[in-house]
Amino acid sequence: MLSAIRLMPPLAATLAPLGDDPIAGLEALRSIGFRAVQLSATQPGMRPRELDASARRDLLGRLRRLEMRCAGVDLWIPPEHFGSPSHADRALDALRQTISLAADLGRVTVSTALPERTDANAQILGDVRVVISSTAAHAGVELADHGSDAVTGAWEGTNEDPIGVGIDPAMLLSLGRDPVASVGRCGQRLRAARVVDMLQSGMRAPPGEANGARLQLGEYVLALAGAGFQRSPVADARNWTQPRAGLERVRSLWPEEHGS
């Protein structure tokens, strides 16, 4: 696993689970040893509408002073909103704002989840994908779709499509899918990869828990390296019982990062 880790950019971590103060969260991540951060467009203080051009420059400056970089931006809203006539416009507006923020932070990848395609939402979801692809391409930003259709192959895009696939091992395990095999299937369409386990209890947790762990982390990392994945994997502490302690443990599993 260590040789595979050396081939990838530094591990990133989600900021929002560390609390409401994003600046304190950034400093905490840096103290743990993280050099990349995954922001959330729904976290107070990090919402796109709260960050004007000056605030975005200030954020980039703070990251530079901490010797960190932004790995990507999350937008977690109910996936079904993108396929609902009463919610799609608002969901698209939120995604447009997030794409704009991601562009200003270095054209980083936006992670979101689009809904499962059904007969009822097929038309509107198709239109939404066209709008998203056009908006992302114009901004020079890629999207990672963490929805079930993307990761299971029910929706097949192309390698050139701005909308690619985001792998969340916990979500895949909850669907009875193998994260390692899923990485291989996605190939060059893989745009984001999470580092998170789904315990036998059904709880999301950091890899390596003593009881109930399911993710074979070594095999997963090797699969990412074998697929030529060149983005920072994201230690995703959403819904962990002890986010900081979990991130500290995951960071300890990356002792030989590329560029260290």
C-alpha atoms as a PDB file:
ATOM      1  CA  MET A   1       0.000   0.000   0.000  1.00  0.00           C
ATOM      2  CA  LEU A   2       2.817   2.425   0.818  1.00  0.00           C
ATOM      3  CA  SER A   3       4.222   2.300  -2.695  1.00  0.00           C
ATOM      4  CA  ALA A   4       0.762   3.104  -4.073  1.00  0.00           C
ATOM      5  CA  ILE A   5       0.365   6.030  -1.666  1.00  0.00           C
ATOM      6  CA  ARG A   6       3.647   7.522  -2.898  1.00  0.00           C
ATOM      7  CA  LEU A   7       2.183   7.707  -6.402  1.00  0.00           C
ATOM      8  CA  MET A   8      -0.792   9.841  -5.370  1.00  0.00           C
ATOM      9  CA  PRO A   9      -1.196  13.459  -4.287  1.00  0.00           C
ATOM     10  CA  PRO A  10      -1.494  14.121  -0.528  1.00  0.00           C
ATOM     11  CA  LEU A  11      -4.547  12.866   1.300  1.00  0.00           C
ATOM     12  CA  ALA A  12      -7.282  15.486   1.794  1.00  0.00           C
ATOM     13  CA  ALA A  13      -9.868  15.705   4.584  1.00  0.00           C
ATOM     14  CA  THR A  14     -13.381  17.062   4.869  1.00  0.00           C
ATOM     15  CA  LEU A  15     -13.536  20.324   6.803  1.00  0.00           C
ATOM     16  CA  ALA A  16     -17.215  20.615   7.764  1.00  0.00           C
ATOM     17  CA  PRO A  17     -17.362  17.705  10.280  1.00  0.00           C
ATOM     18  CA  LEU A  18     -14.820  19.478  12.505  1.00  0.00           C
ATOM     19  CA  GLY A  19     -17.313  22.129  13.590  1.00  0.00           C
ATOM     20  CA  ASP A  20     -18.896  25.433  12.708  1.00  0.00           C
ATOM     21  CA  ASP A  21     -15.695  27.506  12.672  1.00  0.00           C
ATOM     22  CA  PRO A  22     -14.006  26.801   9.318  1.00  0.00           C
ATOM     23  CA  ILE A  23     -10.810  28.674  10.211  1.00  0.00           C
ATOM     24  CA  ALA A  24     -10.338  26.647  13.393  1.00  0.00           C
ATOM     25  CA  GLY A  25     -11.085  23.539  11.345  1.00  0.00           C
ATOM     26  CA  LEU A  26      -8.400  24.376   8.798  1.00  0.00           C
ATOM     27  CA  GLU A  27      -5.864  24.912  11.548  1.00  0.00           C
ATOM     28  CA  ALA A  28      -6.869  21.608  13.150  1.00  0.00           C
ATOM     29  CA  LEU A  29      -6.398  19.748   9.876  1.00  0.00           C
ATOM     30  CA  ARG A  30      -2.984  21.292   9.370  1.00  0.00           C
ATOM     31  CA  SER A  31      -1.960  20.342  12.906  1.00  0.00           C
ATOM     32  CA  ILE A  32      -2.954  16.736  12.166  1.00  0.00           C
ATOM     33  CA  GLY A  33      -0.735  16.842   9.099  1.00  0.00           C
ATOM     34  CA  PHE A  34      -3.165  17.281   6.243  1.00  0.00           C
ATOM     35  CA  ARG A  35      -2.010  19.419   3.317  1.00  0.00           C
ATOM     36  CA  ALA A  36      -5.246  19.343   1.347  1.00  0.00           C
ATOM     37  CA  VAL A  37      -8.826  20.101   2.362  1.00  0.00           C
ATOM     38  CA  GLN A  38     -12.251  19.276   0.966  1.00  0.00           C
ATOM     39  CA  LEU A  39     -14.607  22.194   1.508  1.00  0.00           C
ATOM     40  CA  SER A  40     -18.396  22.086   1.778  1.00  0.00           C
ATOM     41  CA  ALA A  41     -20.628  24.580  -0.014  1.00  0.00           C
ATOM     42  CA  THR A  42     -23.261  24.123   2.699  1.00  0.00           C
ATOM     43  CA  GLN A  43     -21.015  24.881   5.691  1.00  0.00           C
ATOM     44  CA  PRO A  44     -21.630  28.277   7.316  1.00  0.00           C
ATOM     45  CA  GLY A  45     -18.779  30.575   6.375  1.00  0.00           C
ATOM     46  CA  MET A  46     -17.961  28.560   3.258  1.00  0.00           C
ATOM     47  CA  ARG A  47     -21.186  28.942   1.321  1.00  0.00           C
ATOM     48  CA  PRO A  48     -20.569  30.455  -2.134  1.00  0.00           C
ATOM     49  CA  ARG A  49     -23.016  33.314  -1.534  1.00  0.00           C
ATOM     50  CA  GLU A  50     -21.095  34.260   1.624  1.00  0.00           C
ATOM     51  CA  LEU A  51     -17.734  34.413  -0.151  1.00  0.00           C
ATOM     52  CA  ASP A  52     -17.329  37.378  -2.476  1.00  0.00           C
ATOM     53  CA  ALA A  53     -14.225  37.820  -4.639  1.00  0.00           C
ATOM     54  CA  SER A  54     -12.247  39.361  -1.785  1.00  0.00           C
ATOM     55  CA  ALA A  55     -13.201  36.598   0.645  1.00  0.00           C
ATOM     56  CA  ARG A  56     -12.214  33.954  -1.880  1.00  0.00           C
ATOM     57  CA  ARG A  57      -8.795  35.555  -2.293  1.00  0.00           C
ATOM     58  CA  ASP A  58      -8.451  35.698   1.489  1.00  0.00           C
ATOM     59  CA  LEU A  59      -9.303  31.995   1.723  1.00  0.00           C
ATOM     60  CA  LEU A  60      -6.684  31.104  -0.864  1.00  0.00           C
ATOM     61  CA  GLY A  61      -4.171  33.254   1.005  1.00  0.00           C
ATOM     62  CA  ARG A  62      -4.930  31.511   4.283  1.00  0.00           C
ATOM     63  CA  LEU A  63      -4.515  28.115   2.653  1.00  0.00           C
ATOM     64  CA  ARG A  64      -1.138  29.182   1.270  1.00  0.00           C
ATOM     65  CA  ARG A  65      -0.001  30.376   4.691  1.00  0.00           C
ATOM     66  CA  LEU A  66      -1.029  27.013   6.148  1.00  0.00           C
ATOM     67  CA  GLU A  67       0.794  25.294   3.272  1.00  0.00           C
ATOM     68  CA  MET A  68      -2.455  23.661   2.250  1.00  0.00           C
ATOM     69  CA  ARG A  69      -4.506  23.542  -0.916  1.00  0.00           C
ATOM     70  CA  CYS A  70      -8.160  23.042  -1.751  1.00  0.00           C
ATOM     71  CA  ALA A  71      -8.756  19.554  -3.157  1.00  0.00           C
ATOM     72  CA  GLY A  72     -12.417  20.069  -4.010  1.00  0.00           C
ATOM     73  CA  VAL A  73     -15.819  21.366  -2.947  1.00  0.00           C
ATOM     74  CA  ASP A  74     -18.789  19.269  -1.818  1.00  0.00           C
ATOM     75  CA  LEU A  75     -22.423  20.121  -2.458  1.00  0.00           C
ATOM     76  CA  TRP A  76     -24.564  17.624  -0.583  1.00  0.00           C
ATOM     77  CA  ILE A  77     -28.225  18.402  -1.120  1.00  0.00           C
ATOM     78  CA  PRO A  78     -31.004  15.814  -1.523  1.00  0.00           C
ATOM     79  CA  PRO A  79     -30.259  14.116  -4.885  1.00  0.00           C
ATOM     80  CA  GLU A  80     -33.946  13.888  -5.739  1.00  0.00           C
ATOM     81  CA  HIS A  81     -34.113  17.689  -5.929  1.00  0.00           C
ATOM     82  CA  PHE A  82     -32.265  17.593  -9.259  1.00  0.00           C
ATOM     83  CA  GLY A  83     -35.054  15.464 -10.743  1.00  0.00           C
ATOM     84  CA  SER A  84     -37.994  17.322  -9.221  1.00  0.00           C
ATOM     85  CA  PRO A  85     -39.890  20.015 -11.199  1.00  0.00           C
ATOM     86  CA  SER A  86     -40.448  21.954  -7.970  1.00  0.00           C
ATOM     87  CA  HIS A  87     -36.818  21.816  -6.789  1.00  0.00           C
ATOM     88  CA  ALA A  88     -34.604  21.465  -9.877  1.00  0.00           C
ATOM     89  CA  ASP A  89     -34.137  25.201 -10.533  1.00  0.00           C
ATOM     90  CA  ARG A  90     -33.024  25.850  -6.959  1.00  0.00           C
ATOM     91  CA  ALA A  91     -30.732  22.804  -6.984  1.00  0.00           C
ATOM     92  CA  LEU A  92     -29.174  23.916 -10.258  1.00  0.00           C
ATOM     93  CA  ASP A  93     -28.641  27.429  -8.913  1.00  0.00           C
ATOM     94  CA  ALA A  94     -26.838  26.011  -5.872  1.00  0.00           C
ATOM     95  CA  LEU A  95     -24.675  23.874  -8.130  1.00  0.00           C
ATOM     96  CA  ARG A  96     -23.873  26.816 -10.420  1.00  0.00           C
ATOM     97  CA  GLN A  97     -22.720  28.849  -7.420  1.00  0.00           C
ATOM     98  CA  THR A  98     -20.611  25.935  -6.203  1.00  0.00           C
ATOM     99  CA  ILE A  99     -19.021  25.518  -9.635  1.00  0.00           C
ATOM    100  CA  SER A 100     -18.165  29.230  -9.614  1.00  0.00           C
ATOM    101  CA  LEU A 101     -16.518  28.864  -6.193  1.00  0.00           C
ATOM    102  CA  ALA A 102     -14.597  25.787  -7.326  1.00  0.00           C
ATOM    103  CA  ALA A 103     -13.349  27.683 -10.376  1.00  0.00           C
ATOM    104  CA  ASP A 104     -12.079  30.552  -8.213  1.00  0.00           C
ATOM    105  CA  LEU A 105     -10.310  28.120  -5.858  1.00  0.00           C
ATOM    106  CA  GLY A 106      -8.211  26.636  -8.630  1.00  0.00           C
ATOM    107  CA  ARG A 107     -10.745  24.839 -10.835  1.00  0.00           C
ATOM    108  CA  VAL A 108     -11.078  22.055  -8.299  1.00  0.00           C
ATOM    109  CA  THR A 109     -13.569  19.202  -8.600  1.00  0.00           C
ATOM    110  CA  VAL A 110     -17.131  19.575  -7.316  1.00  0.00           C
ATOM    111  CA  SER A 111     -18.635  16.509  -5.645  1.00  0.00           C
ATOM    112  CA  THR A 112     -22.389  16.058  -5.567  1.00  0.00           C
ATOM    113  CA  ALA A 113     -24.940  13.272  -6.017  1.00  0.00           C
ATOM    114  CA  LEU A 114     -27.447  13.105  -8.841  1.00  0.00           C
ATOM    115  CA  PRO A 115     -30.580  10.981  -8.410  1.00  0.00           C
ATOM    116  CA  GLU A 116     -31.349   7.557  -9.772  1.00  0.00           C
ATOM    117  CA  ARG A 117     -33.031   7.803 -13.164  1.00  0.00           C
ATOM    118  CA  THR A 118     -36.672   6.773 -13.204  1.00  0.00           C
ATOM    119  CA  ASP A 119     -39.468   6.962 -15.766  1.00  0.00           C
ATOM    120  CA  ALA A 120     -40.884   9.903 -13.820  1.00  0.00           C
ATOM    121  CA  ASN A 121     -37.724  12.026 -13.780  1.00  0.00           C
ATOM    122  CA  ALA A 122     -35.992  10.884 -16.976  1.00  0.00           C
ATOM    123  CA  GLN A 123     -36.768  14.002 -19.022  1.00  0.00           C
ATOM    124  CA  ILE A 124     -35.965  16.601 -16.403  1.00  0.00           C
ATOM    125  CA  LEU A 125     -32.852  14.737 -15.243  1.00  0.00           C
ATOM    126  CA  GLY A 126     -31.601  14.547 -18.821  1.00  0.00           C
ATOM    127  CA  ASP A 127     -32.085  18.303 -19.187  1.00  0.00           C
ATOM    128  CA  VAL A 128     -30.353  18.905 -15.848  1.00  0.00           C
ATOM    129  CA  ARG A 129     -27.319  16.885 -16.941  1.00  0.00           C
ATOM    130  CA  VAL A 130     -27.035  18.965 -20.119  1.00  0.00           C
ATOM    131  CA  VAL A 131     -27.130  22.218 -18.118  1.00  0.00           C
ATOM    132  CA  ILE A 132     -24.623  20.937 -15.562  1.00  0.00           C
ATOM    133  CA  SER A 133     -22.214  19.717 -18.249  1.00  0.00           C
ATOM    134  CA  SER A 134     -22.378  23.039 -20.081  1.00  0.00           C
ATOM    135  CA  THR A 135     -21.897  25.100 -16.913  1.00  0.00           C
ATOM    136  CA  ALA A 136     -18.992  22.978 -15.717  1.00  0.00           C
ATOM    137  CA  ALA A 137     -17.272  22.954 -19.110  1.00  0.00           C
ATOM    138  CA  HIS A 138     -17.555  26.745 -19.393  1.00  0.00           C
ATOM    139  CA  ALA A 139     -15.963  27.157 -15.954  1.00  0.00           C
ATOM    140  CA  GLY A 140     -13.271  24.557 -16.590  1.00  0.00           C
ATOM    141  CA  VAL A 141     -14.489  22.528 -13.609  1.00  0.00           C
ATOM    142  CA  GLU A 142     -15.130  18.791 -13.374  1.00  0.00           C
ATOM    143  CA  LEU A 143     -17.918  17.189 -11.364  1.00  0.00           C
ATOM    144  CA  ALA A 144     -17.858  13.921  -9.474  1.00  0.00           C
ATOM    145  CA  ASP A 145     -21.295  12.312  -9.308  1.00  0.00           C
ATOM    146  CA  HIS A 146     -21.560  10.155  -6.184  1.00  0.00           C
ATOM    147  CA  GLY A 147     -25.081   9.022  -7.035  1.00  0.00           C
ATOM    148  CA  SER A 148     -25.917   5.343  -7.349  1.00  0.00           C
ATOM    149  CA  ASP A 149     -26.451   5.446 -11.132  1.00  0.00           C
ATOM    150  CA  ALA A 150     -22.934   6.773 -11.676  1.00  0.00           C
ATOM    151  CA  VAL A 151     -21.091   4.370  -9.400  1.00  0.00           C
ATOM    152  CA  THR A 152     -23.053   1.266 -10.424  1.00  0.00           C
ATOM    153  CA  GLY A 153     -22.832   1.972 -14.152  1.00  0.00           C
ATOM    154  CA  ALA A 154     -26.551   2.540 -14.713  1.00  0.00           C
ATOM    155  CA  TRP A 155     -25.509   5.907 -16.135  1.00  0.00           C
ATOM    156  CA  GLU A 156     -22.569   5.742 -18.521  1.00  0.00           C
ATOM    157  CA  GLY A 157     -20.860   8.986 -19.452  1.00  0.00           C
ATOM    158  CA  THR A 158     -17.732   9.449 -21.527  1.00  0.00           C
ATOM    159  CA  ASN A 159     -14.162  10.170 -20.487  1.00  0.00           C
ATOM    160  CA  GLU A 160     -14.556  13.680 -21.961  1.00  0.00           C
ATOM    161  CA  ASP A 161     -17.794  14.508 -20.111  1.00  0.00           C
ATOM    162  CA  PRO A 162     -17.285  17.125 -17.345  1.00  0.00           C
ATOM    163  CA  ILE A 163     -19.487  14.897 -15.170  1.00  0.00           C
ATOM    164  CA  GLY A 164     -17.487  11.915 -13.957  1.00  0.00           C
ATOM    165  CA  VAL A 165     -17.826   9.444 -11.115  1.00  0.00           C
ATOM    166  CA  GLY A 166     -17.207   9.845  -7.408  1.00  0.00           C
ATOM    167  CA  ILE A 167     -16.443   6.724  -5.382  1.00  0.00           C
ATOM    168  CA  ASP A 168     -17.710   6.516  -1.806  1.00  0.00           C
ATOM    169  CA  PRO A 169     -16.792   3.071  -0.407  1.00  0.00           C
ATOM    170  CA  ALA A 170     -19.325   3.341   2.422  1.00  0.00           C
ATOM    171  CA  MET A 171     -22.174   3.997   0.033  1.00  0.00           C
ATOM    172  CA  LEU A 172     -21.046   1.186  -2.258  1.00  0.00           C
ATOM    173  CA  LEU A 173     -20.782  -1.257   0.626  1.00  0.00           C
ATOM    174  CA  SER A 174     -24.302  -0.305   1.708  1.00  0.00           C
ATOM    175  CA  LEU A 175     -25.461  -1.280  -1.808  1.00  0.00           C
ATOM    176  CA  GLY A 176     -23.621  -4.591  -1.635  1.00  0.00           C
ATOM    177  CA  ARG A 177     -21.010  -3.401  -4.138  1.00  0.00           C
ATOM    178  CA  ASP A 178     -17.255  -3.915  -4.034  1.00  0.00           C
ATOM    179  CA  PRO A 179     -15.384  -0.561  -3.928  1.00  0.00           C
ATOM    180  CA  VAL A 180     -12.237  -2.110  -5.411  1.00  0.00           C
ATOM    181  CA  ALA A 181     -14.084  -3.543  -8.398  1.00  0.00           C
ATOM    182  CA  SER A 182     -15.956  -0.263  -8.822  1.00  0.00           C
ATOM    183  CA  VAL A 183     -12.701   1.680  -9.116  1.00  0.00           C
ATOM    184  CA  GLY A 184     -11.586  -0.635 -11.896  1.00  0.00           C
ATOM    185  CA  ARG A 185     -14.884  -0.289 -13.727  1.00  0.00           C
ATOM    186  CA  CYS A 186     -14.856   3.521 -13.615  1.00  0.00           C
ATOM    187  CA  GLY A 187     -11.342   3.851 -15.020  1.00  0.00           C
ATOM    188  CA  GLN A 188     -10.637   7.307 -16.420  1.00  0.00           C
ATOM    189  CA  ARG A 189     -14.129   8.559 -15.528  1.00  0.00           C
ATOM    190  CA  LEU A 190     -13.179   8.498 -11.838  1.00  0.00           C
ATOM    191  CA  ARG A 191     -12.987  12.108 -10.601  1.00  0.00           C
ATOM    192  CA  ALA A 192     -13.111  11.733  -6.803  1.00  0.00           C
ATOM    193  CA  ALA A 193     -12.455   8.980  -4.271  1.00  0.00           C
ATOM    194  CA  ARG A 194     -13.426   8.930  -0.610  1.00  0.00           C
ATOM    195  CA  VAL A 195     -11.615   7.154   2.201  1.00  0.00           C
ATOM    196  CA  VAL A 196     -14.366   5.918   4.505  1.00  0.00           C
ATOM    197  CA  ASP A 197     -15.696   2.570   5.694  1.00  0.00           C
ATOM    198  CA  MET A 198     -19.192   1.231   6.315  1.00  0.00           C
ATOM    199  CA  LEU A 199     -19.206  -0.937   9.422  1.00  0.00           C
ATOM    200  CA  GLN A 200     -21.271  -4.077   9.809  1.00  0.00           C
ATOM    201  CA  SER A 201     -23.528  -1.970  12.045  1.00  0.00           C
ATOM    202  CA  GLY A 202     -24.323   0.307   9.094  1.00  0.00           C
ATOM    203  CA  MET A 203     -22.398   3.279  10.514  1.00  0.00           C
ATOM    204  CA  ARG A 204     -19.951   5.327   8.453  1.00  0.00           C
ATOM    205  CA  ALA A 205     -16.517   5.220  10.068  1.00  0.00           C
ATOM    206  CA  PRO A 206     -12.804   5.615   9.378  1.00  0.00           C
ATOM    207  CA  PRO A 207     -11.077   2.556   7.908  1.00  0.00           C
ATOM    208  CA  GLY A 208      -9.397   0.191  10.328  1.00  0.00           C
ATOM    209  CA  GLU A 209     -12.021   0.062  13.068  1.00  0.00           C
ATOM    210  CA  ALA A 210     -11.359  -2.878  15.385  1.00  0.00           C
ATOM    211  CA  ASN A 211     -14.886  -4.235  15.123  1.00  0.00           C
ATOM    212  CA  GLY A 212     -16.999  -4.458  12.016  1.00  0.00           C
ATOM    213  CA  ALA A 213     -14.603  -3.004   9.421  1.00  0.00           C
ATOM    214  CA  ARG A 214     -15.484  -3.941   5.849  1.00  0.00           C
ATOM    215  CA  LEU A 215     -13.258  -1.868   3.537  1.00  0.00           C
ATOM    216  CA  GLN A 216     -10.005  -3.536   2.474  1.00  0.00           C
ATOM    217  CA  LEU A 217      -8.044  -0.299   2.500  1.00  0.00           C
ATOM    218  CA  GLY A 218      -4.833  -1.691   1.014  1.00  0.00           C
ATOM    219  CA  GLU A 219      -6.650  -3.206  -1.955  1.00  0.00           C
ATOM    220  CA  TYR A 220      -8.641  -0.012  -2.427  1.00  0.00           C
ATOM    221  CA  VAL A 221      -5.539   2.192  -2.504  1.00  0.00           C
ATOM    222  CA  LEU A 222      -3.818  -0.177  -4.914  1.00  0.00           C
ATOM    223  CA  ALA A 223      -6.872  -0.074  -7.176  1.00  0.00           C
ATOM    224  CA  LEU A 224      -6.808   3.744  -7.205  1.00  0.00           C
ATOM    225  CA  ALA A 225      -3.115   3.745  -8.070  1.00  0.00           C
ATOM    226  CA  GLY A 226      -3.658   1.102 -10.738  1.00  0.00           C
ATOM    227  CA  ALA A 227      -6.409   3.216 -12.301  1.00  0.00           C
ATOM    228  CA  GLY A 228      -3.979   6.142 -12.570  1.00  0.00           C
ATOM    229  CA  PHE A 229      -5.981   8.236 -10.105  1.00  0.00           C
ATOM    230  CA  GLN A 230      -4.069  11.497  -9.689  1.00  0.00           C
ATOM    231  CA  ARG A 231      -6.348  13.483  -7.389  1.00  0.00           C
ATOM    232  CA  SER A 232      -6.188  13.642  -3.612  1.00  0.00           C
ATOM    233  CA  PRO A 233      -8.289  10.906  -1.996  1.00  0.00           C
ATOM    234  CA  VAL A 234     -10.581  12.465   0.616  1.00  0.00           C
ATOM    235  CA  ALA A 235     -10.833  11.191   4.186  1.00  0.00           C
ATOM    236  CA  ASP A 236     -14.561  11.786   4.554  1.00  0.00           C
ATOM    237  CA  ALA A 237     -15.491  12.267   8.221  1.00  0.00           C
ATOM    238  CA  ARG A 238     -19.182  12.959   7.658  1.00  0.00           C
ATOM    239  CA  ASN A 239     -21.247  11.183  10.339  1.00  0.00           C
ATOM    240  CA  TRP A 240     -18.217   9.749  12.131  1.00  0.00           C
ATOM    241  CA  THR A 241     -18.760   9.588  15.883  1.00  0.00           C
ATOM    242  CA  GLN A 242     -15.348  11.202  16.539  1.00  0.00           C
ATOM    243  CA  PRO A 243     -14.335  13.112  13.402  1.00  0.00           C
ATOM    244  CA  ARG A 244     -11.012  14.505  14.612  1.00  0.00           C
ATOM    245  CA  ALA A 245      -9.803  11.254  16.169  1.00  0.00           C
ATOM    246  CA  GLY A 246     -10.864   9.378  13.059  1.00  0.00           C
ATOM    247  CA  LEU A 247      -9.029  11.793  10.771  1.00  0.00           C
ATOM    248  CA  GLU A 248      -5.919  11.484  12.908  1.00  0.00           C
ATOM    249  CA  ARG A 249      -6.017   7.724  12.507  1.00  0.00           C
ATOM    250  CA  VAL A 250      -6.599   7.850   8.757  1.00  0.00           C
ATOM    251  CA  ARG A 251      -3.789  10.370   8.358  1.00  0.00           C
ATOM    252  CA  SER A 252      -1.463   7.954  10.154  1.00  0.00           C
ATOM    253  CA  LEU A 253      -2.177   5.399   7.428  1.00  0.00           C
ATOM    254  CA  TRP A 254      -0.619   7.758   4.871  1.00  0.00           C
ATOM    255  CA  PRO A 255       2.939   7.956   6.273  1.00  0.00           C
ATOM    256  CA  GLU A 256       4.734   8.286   2.961  1.00  0.00           C
ATOM    257  CA  GLU A 257       2.826  10.753   0.841  1.00  0.00           C
ATOM    258  CA  HIS A 258       3.956  11.816  -2.605  1.00  0.00           C
ATOM    259  CA  GLY A 259       5.902  15.038  -2.226  1.00  0.00           C
ATOM    260  CA  SER A 260       6.538  14.609   1.517  1.00  0.00           C
END
